[in-house]
Structures are given as structure tokens and as C-alpha cells.
Amino acid sequence: MDTKERHVKENEGRDRHEGLEPTLPAEGRERKRENTKKLNNLWIWFGVLILIAILLYWIFSIGLLGDMEGTFNG
């Protein structure tokens, strides 16, 4: 946990203890952090799908080229 997260959690804990609502900047930072996590996960899955597509293309292209050259038996 980095220092920013620790400070935010300490402030939220203090606000809850005092009965205060979280401040708008704290809510905005939390929303931005959540949205960043979601976006990063989307990019990771997009990269995985691209890698799978490249792998399938590579496998099929090797198979087709091998068949055309007559180097594969079967």
C-alpha cells in the first residue's frame, strides 16, 4: 500500500469516526482509482485477445504454407 492510499484510508476512518461524510476530492480520487483499475483490466484482456488471435493466425498460416509447399506429410 502506497502512502497516498494509506492517507486516504486514515482520513476516511477519521471522518467515519467523527460522523462526517467523505469530502468531494476524496470521492473523486477514489472514483478515478476505480476507473483506472477497470481500464487497466480492459487493456489486459484486450492484449490477451490480440495475442490469441496472433497465435491462431500463426498456427493456421504455418499449416497452410506447409501444405502448399508439400513439406507436411498427411
N, C-alpha and C. Protein backbone atom coordinates (compact mmCIF):
# COMPACT_ATOMS: atom_id res chain seq x y z
N MET A 1 0.85 -1.17 0.00
CA MET A 1 0.00 0.00 0.00
C MET A 1 0.90 1.24 0.00
N ASP A 2 0.65 2.13 -0.95
CA ASP A 2 1.48 3.32 -1.00
C ASP A 2 0.96 4.37 -0.02
N THR A 3 1.72 5.44 0.10
CA THR A 3 1.41 6.43 1.14
C THR A 3 0.10 7.16 0.86
N LYS A 4 -0.22 7.40 -0.43
CA LYS A 4 -1.47 8.09 -0.74
C LYS A 4 -2.67 7.27 -0.29
N GLU A 5 -2.64 5.96 -0.58
CA GLU A 5 -3.75 5.11 -0.16
C GLU A 5 -3.86 5.08 1.36
N ARG A 6 -2.73 5.03 2.03
CA ARG A 6 -2.74 4.98 3.49
C ARG A 6 -3.36 6.26 4.05
N HIS A 7 -2.98 7.43 3.48
CA HIS A 7 -3.52 8.70 3.96
C HIS A 7 -5.02 8.78 3.69
N VAL A 8 -5.45 8.32 2.52
CA VAL A 8 -6.88 8.36 2.20
C VAL A 8 -7.65 7.49 3.18
N LYS A 9 -7.15 6.29 3.45
CA LYS A 9 -7.83 5.40 4.38
C LYS A 9 -7.85 5.98 5.79
N GLU A 10 -6.76 6.60 6.20
CA GLU A 10 -6.74 7.23 7.52
C GLU A 10 -7.76 8.36 7.60
N ASN A 11 -7.83 9.18 6.55
CA ASN A 11 -8.79 10.29 6.53
C ASN A 11 -10.22 9.78 6.52
N GLU A 12 -10.49 8.72 5.72
CA GLU A 12 -11.84 8.17 5.70
C GLU A 12 -12.21 7.59 7.05
N GLY A 13 -11.26 6.91 7.69
CA GLY A 13 -11.52 6.34 9.00
C GLY A 13 -11.80 7.43 10.03
N ARG A 14 -11.05 8.52 9.96
CA ARG A 14 -11.25 9.64 10.88
C ARG A 14 -12.61 10.29 10.63
N ASP A 15 -12.96 10.44 9.35
CA ASP A 15 -14.25 11.05 9.01
C ASP A 15 -15.40 10.18 9.51
N ARG A 16 -15.30 8.88 9.35
CA ARG A 16 -16.35 7.99 9.83
C ARG A 16 -16.46 8.05 11.34
N HIS A 17 -15.31 8.14 12.01
CA HIS A 17 -15.30 8.20 13.46
C HIS A 17 -15.95 9.48 13.95
N GLU A 18 -15.70 10.57 13.23
CA GLU A 18 -16.27 11.86 13.62
C GLU A 18 -17.68 12.06 13.09
N GLY A 19 -18.17 11.11 12.27
CA GLY A 19 -19.52 11.22 11.73
C GLY A 19 -19.62 12.13 10.53
N LEU A 20 -18.51 12.41 9.86
CA LEU A 20 -18.51 13.29 8.70
C LEU A 20 -18.59 12.46 7.42
N GLU A 21 -19.13 13.08 6.39
CA GLU A 21 -19.15 12.45 5.07
C GLU A 21 -17.79 12.65 4.42
N PRO A 22 -17.37 11.72 3.55
CA PRO A 22 -16.11 11.93 2.83
C PRO A 22 -16.18 13.19 1.97
N THR A 23 -15.07 13.86 1.82
CA THR A 23 -15.04 15.09 1.05
C THR A 23 -15.10 14.78 -0.44
N LEU A 24 -15.51 15.76 -1.22
CA LEU A 24 -15.63 15.58 -2.66
C LEU A 24 -14.30 15.22 -3.32
N PRO A 25 -13.19 15.87 -2.99
CA PRO A 25 -11.92 15.47 -3.62
C PRO A 25 -11.56 14.02 -3.31
N ALA A 26 -11.85 13.57 -2.10
CA ALA A 26 -11.54 12.18 -1.75
C ALA A 26 -12.40 11.22 -2.56
N GLU A 27 -13.67 11.57 -2.75
CA GLU A 27 -14.55 10.74 -3.57
C GLU A 27 -14.08 10.71 -5.01
N GLY A 28 -13.66 11.86 -5.51
CA GLY A 28 -13.16 11.94 -6.88
C GLY A 28 -11.92 11.10 -7.08
N ARG A 29 -11.01 11.15 -6.12
CA ARG A 29 -9.79 10.33 -6.22
C ARG A 29 -10.13 8.85 -6.20
N GLU A 30 -11.09 8.48 -5.35
CA GLU A 30 -11.48 7.08 -5.27
C GLU A 30 -12.14 6.61 -6.57
N ARG A 31 -13.01 7.45 -7.14
CA ARG A 31 -13.63 7.10 -8.42
C ARG A 31 -12.59 6.97 -9.52
N LYS A 32 -11.62 7.90 -9.53
CA LYS A 32 -10.58 7.84 -10.55
C LYS A 32 -9.75 6.58 -10.40
N ARG A 33 -9.43 6.19 -9.16
CA ARG A 33 -8.65 4.99 -8.90
C ARG A 33 -9.41 3.75 -9.38
N GLU A 34 -10.72 3.69 -9.09
CA GLU A 34 -11.53 2.55 -9.53
C GLU A 34 -11.63 2.49 -11.04
N ASN A 35 -11.83 3.65 -11.68
CA ASN A 35 -11.93 3.68 -13.14
C ASN A 35 -10.61 3.30 -13.79
N THR A 36 -9.50 3.71 -13.18
CA THR A 36 -8.19 3.34 -13.72
C THR A 36 -7.99 1.84 -13.64
N LYS A 37 -8.41 1.23 -12.54
CA LYS A 37 -8.29 -0.23 -12.40
C LYS A 37 -9.12 -0.93 -13.47
N LYS A 38 -10.34 -0.45 -13.70
CA LYS A 38 -11.21 -1.05 -14.71
C LYS A 38 -10.59 -0.92 -16.10
N LEU A 39 -10.07 0.26 -16.40
CA LEU A 39 -9.47 0.48 -17.71
C LEU A 39 -8.23 -0.39 -17.90
N ASN A 40 -7.41 -0.51 -16.86
CA ASN A 40 -6.23 -1.37 -16.96
C ASN A 40 -6.62 -2.82 -17.20
N ASN A 41 -7.67 -3.29 -16.53
CA ASN A 41 -8.13 -4.65 -16.74
C ASN A 41 -8.64 -4.84 -18.16
N LEU A 42 -9.33 -3.84 -18.70
CA LEU A 42 -9.80 -3.94 -20.08
C LEU A 42 -8.63 -4.03 -21.06
N TRP A 43 -7.60 -3.22 -20.83
CA TRP A 43 -6.44 -3.27 -21.72
C TRP A 43 -5.73 -4.62 -21.63
N ILE A 44 -5.67 -5.19 -20.43
CA ILE A 44 -5.04 -6.50 -20.27
C ILE A 44 -5.81 -7.55 -21.05
N TRP A 45 -7.14 -7.56 -20.91
CA TRP A 45 -7.94 -8.54 -21.65
C TRP A 45 -7.87 -8.31 -23.15
N PHE A 46 -7.83 -7.06 -23.58
CA PHE A 46 -7.67 -6.75 -24.99
C PHE A 46 -6.34 -7.30 -25.51
N GLY A 47 -5.28 -7.13 -24.74
CA GLY A 47 -3.98 -7.67 -25.13
C GLY A 47 -3.99 -9.18 -25.21
N VAL A 48 -4.66 -9.84 -24.26
CA VAL A 48 -4.76 -11.30 -24.28
C VAL A 48 -5.49 -11.76 -25.54
N LEU A 49 -6.59 -11.08 -25.88
CA LEU A 49 -7.33 -11.46 -27.09
C LEU A 49 -6.49 -11.26 -28.35
N ILE A 50 -5.74 -10.19 -28.40
CA ILE A 50 -4.86 -9.94 -29.56
C ILE A 50 -3.80 -11.03 -29.66
N LEU A 51 -3.21 -11.42 -28.52
CA LEU A 51 -2.20 -12.48 -28.55
C LEU A 51 -2.80 -13.80 -29.00
N ILE A 52 -4.00 -14.11 -28.57
CA ILE A 52 -4.66 -15.34 -29.01
C ILE A 52 -4.91 -15.29 -30.52
N ALA A 53 -5.36 -14.14 -31.02
CA ALA A 53 -5.60 -14.01 -32.45
C ALA A 53 -4.31 -14.18 -33.24
N ILE A 54 -3.22 -13.59 -32.77
CA ILE A 54 -1.92 -13.74 -33.45
C ILE A 54 -1.48 -15.19 -33.42
N LEU A 55 -1.64 -15.86 -32.29
CA LEU A 55 -1.25 -17.27 -32.19
C LEU A 55 -2.06 -18.13 -33.14
N LEU A 56 -3.37 -17.93 -33.20
CA LEU A 56 -4.19 -18.72 -34.13
C LEU A 56 -3.81 -18.44 -35.58
N TYR A 57 -3.59 -17.17 -35.91
CA TYR A 57 -3.17 -16.83 -37.26
C TYR A 57 -1.85 -17.51 -37.60
N TRP A 58 -0.92 -17.48 -36.67
CA TRP A 58 0.40 -18.09 -36.90
C TRP A 58 0.26 -19.60 -37.11
N ILE A 59 -0.54 -20.24 -36.28
CA ILE A 59 -0.71 -21.69 -36.41
C ILE A 59 -1.33 -22.04 -37.75
N PHE A 60 -2.39 -21.33 -38.14
CA PHE A 60 -3.05 -21.64 -39.41
C PHE A 60 -2.19 -21.27 -40.60
N SER A 61 -1.44 -20.18 -40.52
CA SER A 61 -0.60 -19.79 -41.65
C SER A 61 0.54 -20.78 -41.85
N ILE A 62 1.11 -21.31 -40.76
CA ILE A 62 2.15 -22.32 -40.89
C ILE A 62 1.56 -23.58 -41.52
N GLY A 63 0.39 -23.95 -41.08
CA GLY A 63 -0.26 -25.15 -41.64
C GLY A 63 -0.56 -24.99 -43.11
N LEU A 64 -1.08 -23.84 -43.51
CA LEU A 64 -1.42 -23.63 -44.91
C LEU A 64 -0.17 -23.56 -45.77
N LEU A 65 0.86 -22.87 -45.30
CA LEU A 65 2.09 -22.77 -46.09
C LEU A 65 2.77 -24.12 -46.21
N GLY A 66 2.75 -24.88 -45.13
CA GLY A 66 3.35 -26.22 -45.19
C GLY A 66 2.62 -27.13 -46.17
N ASP A 67 1.31 -27.04 -46.19
CA ASP A 67 0.53 -27.85 -47.13
C ASP A 67 0.78 -27.43 -48.57
N MET A 68 0.92 -26.13 -48.81
CA MET A 68 1.15 -25.66 -50.18
C MET A 68 2.54 -26.08 -50.67
N GLU A 69 3.52 -26.08 -49.80
CA GLU A 69 4.86 -26.46 -50.19
C GLU A 69 5.03 -27.98 -50.27
N GLY A 70 4.12 -28.70 -49.68
CA GLY A 70 4.20 -30.15 -49.70
C GLY A 70 5.23 -30.68 -48.70
N THR A 71 5.57 -29.90 -47.69
CA THR A 71 6.56 -30.37 -46.71
C THR A 71 5.91 -31.18 -45.58
N PHE A 72 4.59 -31.08 -45.43
CA PHE A 72 3.92 -31.82 -44.38
C PHE A 72 3.42 -33.15 -44.93
N ASN A 73 3.56 -34.18 -44.16
CA ASN A 73 3.01 -35.48 -44.56
C ASN A 73 1.62 -35.62 -43.95
N GLY A 74 0.68 -35.99 -44.74
CA GLY A 74 -0.67 -36.21 -44.22
C GLY A 74 -1.58 -35.35 -44.90
